[in-house]
Protein backbone atom coordinates (compact mmCIF):
# COMPACT_ATOMS: atom_id res chain seq x y z
CA UNK A 1 0.00 0.00 0.00
CA UNK A 2 1.71 3.14 -1.25
CA UNK A 3 1.26 6.33 0.76
CA UNK A 4 -0.91 8.82 -1.09
CA UNK A 5 -1.73 11.40 1.60
CA UNK A 6 0.65 14.28 2.25
CA UNK A 7 1.48 16.01 5.53
CA UNK A 8 -1.05 18.83 5.26
CA UNK A 9 -3.73 16.38 4.14
CA UNK A 10 -3.01 14.20 7.17
CA UNK A 11 -3.11 17.15 9.59
CA UNK A 12 -6.48 18.25 8.22
CA UNK A 13 -7.80 14.70 8.56
CA UNK A 14 -6.66 14.50 12.21
CA UNK A 15 -8.31 17.82 13.05
CA UNK A 16 -11.59 16.85 11.36
CA UNK A 17 -11.52 13.42 12.99
CA UNK A 18 -10.98 14.87 16.47
CA UNK A 19 -13.73 17.47 15.98
CA UNK A 20 -16.21 14.81 14.83
CA UNK A 21 -15.39 12.47 17.71
CA UNK A 22 -15.57 15.36 20.17
CA UNK A 23 -19.05 16.22 18.90
CA UNK A 24 -20.11 12.60 19.43
CA UNK A 25 -18.52 12.34 22.89
CA UNK A 26 -20.11 15.54 24.18
CA UNK A 27 -23.56 14.79 22.77
CA UNK A 28 -23.56 17.69 20.31
CA UNK A 29 -25.03 15.37 17.68
CA UNK A 30 -27.83 12.86 18.18
CA UNK A 31 -29.49 10.02 16.34
CA UNK A 32 -28.24 8.79 12.99
CA UNK A 33 -25.97 11.83 12.62
CA UNK A 34 -24.09 10.67 15.72
CA UNK A 35 -23.28 7.31 14.13
CA UNK A 36 -22.26 8.87 10.84
CA UNK A 37 -20.02 11.40 12.63
CA UNK A 38 -18.44 8.62 14.70
CA UNK A 39 -17.68 6.46 11.66
CA UNK A 40 -16.31 9.41 9.66
CA UNK A 41 -14.20 10.58 12.62
CA UNK A 42 -12.63 7.16 13.04
CA UNK A 43 -12.06 6.83 9.28
CA UNK A 44 -10.34 10.22 9.20
CA UNK A 45 -7.97 9.27 12.01
CA UNK A 46 -7.16 5.88 10.50
CA UNK A 47 -6.46 7.28 7.03
CA UNK A 48 -4.27 9.98 8.59
CA UNK A 49 -2.33 7.40 10.59
CA UNK A 50 -1.81 5.17 7.54
CA UNK A 51 -1.14 8.10 5.16
CA UNK A 52 -3.38 6.29 2.70
CA UNK A 53 -6.82 7.21 1.42
CA UNK A 54 -8.61 4.40 -0.44
CA UNK A 55 -10.62 6.92 -2.49
CA UNK A 56 -7.58 8.68 -3.94
CA UNK A 57 -6.56 5.94 -6.44
CA UNK A 58 -10.11 5.89 -7.85
CA UNK A 59 -9.95 9.67 -8.31
CA UNK A 60 -6.33 9.49 -9.54
CA UNK A 61 -5.19 11.82 -6.74
CA UNK A 62 -2.01 11.84 -4.69
CA UNK A 63 -1.18 14.56 -2.15
CA UNK A 64 2.01 12.86 -0.93
CA UNK A 65 5.31 14.37 -1.98
CA UNK A 66 7.00 12.67 -4.90
CA UNK A 67 10.07 10.54 -4.08
CA UNK A 68 13.31 12.05 -5.37
C-alpha atoms as a PDB file:
ATOM      1  CA  UNK A   1       0.000   0.000   0.000  1.00  0.00           C
ATOM      2  CA  UNK A   2       1.715   3.136  -1.254  1.00  0.00           C
ATOM      3  CA  UNK A   3       1.264   6.329   0.758  1.00  0.00           C
ATOM      4  CA  UNK A   4      -0.910   8.817  -1.087  1.00  0.00           C
ATOM      5  CA  UNK A   5      -1.731  11.403   1.603  1.00  0.00           C
ATOM      6  CA  UNK A   6       0.649  14.281   2.247  1.00  0.00           C
ATOM      7  CA  UNK A   7       1.475  16.013   5.528  1.00  0.00           C
ATOM      8  CA  UNK A   8      -1.054  18.834   5.261  1.00  0.00           C
ATOM      9  CA  UNK A   9      -3.732  16.378   4.136  1.00  0.00           C
ATOM     10  CA  UNK A  10      -3.008  14.197   7.171  1.00  0.00           C
ATOM     11  CA  UNK A  11      -3.108  17.147   9.591  1.00  0.00           C
ATOM     12  CA  UNK A  12      -6.479  18.254   8.215  1.00  0.00           C
ATOM     13  CA  UNK A  13      -7.802  14.701   8.562  1.00  0.00           C
ATOM     14  CA  UNK A  14      -6.661  14.499  12.207  1.00  0.00           C
ATOM     15  CA  UNK A  15      -8.306  17.815  13.051  1.00  0.00           C
ATOM     16  CA  UNK A  16     -11.586  16.851  11.355  1.00  0.00           C
ATOM     17  CA  UNK A  17     -11.522  13.416  12.995  1.00  0.00           C
ATOM     18  CA  UNK A  18     -10.983  14.874  16.465  1.00  0.00           C
ATOM     19  CA  UNK A  19     -13.733  17.467  15.979  1.00  0.00           C
ATOM     20  CA  UNK A  20     -16.211  14.814  14.831  1.00  0.00           C
ATOM     21  CA  UNK A  21     -15.390  12.465  17.708  1.00  0.00           C
ATOM     22  CA  UNK A  22     -15.572  15.360  20.174  1.00  0.00           C
ATOM     23  CA  UNK A  23     -19.046  16.222  18.897  1.00  0.00           C
ATOM     24  CA  UNK A  24     -20.106  12.605  19.427  1.00  0.00           C
ATOM     25  CA  UNK A  25     -18.521  12.337  22.886  1.00  0.00           C
ATOM     26  CA  UNK A  26     -20.109  15.538  24.182  1.00  0.00           C
ATOM     27  CA  UNK A  27     -23.556  14.795  22.772  1.00  0.00           C
ATOM     28  CA  UNK A  28     -23.565  17.688  20.305  1.00  0.00           C
ATOM     29  CA  UNK A  29     -25.029  15.365  17.682  1.00  0.00           C
ATOM     30  CA  UNK A  30     -27.834  12.860  18.181  1.00  0.00           C
ATOM     31  CA  UNK A  31     -29.494  10.019  16.336  1.00  0.00           C
ATOM     32  CA  UNK A  32     -28.237   8.791  12.991  1.00  0.00           C
ATOM     33  CA  UNK A  33     -25.966  11.826  12.619  1.00  0.00           C
ATOM     34  CA  UNK A  34     -24.093  10.673  15.723  1.00  0.00           C
ATOM     35  CA  UNK A  35     -23.279   7.306  14.134  1.00  0.00           C
ATOM     36  CA  UNK A  36     -22.258   8.870  10.836  1.00  0.00           C
ATOM     37  CA  UNK A  37     -20.019  11.396  12.635  1.00  0.00           C
ATOM     38  CA  UNK A  38     -18.438   8.623  14.701  1.00  0.00           C
ATOM     39  CA  UNK A  39     -17.675   6.465  11.659  1.00  0.00           C
ATOM     40  CA  UNK A  40     -16.306   9.412   9.662  1.00  0.00           C
ATOM     41  CA  UNK A  41     -14.198  10.578  12.617  1.00  0.00           C
ATOM     42  CA  UNK A  42     -12.628   7.155  13.044  1.00  0.00           C
ATOM     43  CA  UNK A  43     -12.056   6.832   9.283  1.00  0.00           C
ATOM     44  CA  UNK A  44     -10.339  10.222   9.197  1.00  0.00           C
ATOM     45  CA  UNK A  45      -7.968   9.274  12.010  1.00  0.00           C
ATOM     46  CA  UNK A  46      -7.156   5.876  10.497  1.00  0.00           C
ATOM     47  CA  UNK A  47      -6.464   7.279   7.029  1.00  0.00           C
ATOM     48  CA  UNK A  48      -4.270   9.980   8.587  1.00  0.00           C
ATOM     49  CA  UNK A  49      -2.331   7.400  10.594  1.00  0.00           C
ATOM     50  CA  UNK A  50      -1.806   5.168   7.544  1.00  0.00           C
ATOM     51  CA  UNK A  51      -1.141   8.098   5.164  1.00  0.00           C
ATOM     52  CA  UNK A  52      -3.378   6.286   2.702  1.00  0.00           C
ATOM     53  CA  UNK A  53      -6.823   7.210   1.416  1.00  0.00           C
ATOM     54  CA  UNK A  54      -8.610   4.398  -0.436  1.00  0.00           C
ATOM     55  CA  UNK A  55     -10.622   6.920  -2.494  1.00  0.00           C
ATOM     56  CA  UNK A  56      -7.579   8.684  -3.940  1.00  0.00           C
ATOM     57  CA  UNK A  57      -6.565   5.944  -6.438  1.00  0.00           C
ATOM     58  CA  UNK A  58     -10.107   5.888  -7.850  1.00  0.00           C
ATOM     59  CA  UNK A  59      -9.951   9.672  -8.307  1.00  0.00           C
ATOM     60  CA  UNK A  60      -6.327   9.495  -9.544  1.00  0.00           C
ATOM     61  CA  UNK A  61      -5.194  11.824  -6.736  1.00  0.00           C
ATOM     62  CA  UNK A  62      -2.013  11.841  -4.694  1.00  0.00           C
ATOM     63  CA  UNK A  63      -1.177  14.560  -2.151  1.00  0.00           C
ATOM     64  CA  UNK A  64       2.011  12.860  -0.931  1.00  0.00           C
ATOM     65  CA  UNK A  65       5.307  14.369  -1.980  1.00  0.00           C
ATOM     66  CA  UNK A  66       7.000  12.666  -4.899  1.00  0.00           C
ATOM     67  CA  UNK A  67      10.067  10.539  -4.081  1.00  0.00           C
ATOM     68  CA  UNK A  68      13.310  12.050  -5.373  1.00  0.00           C
END
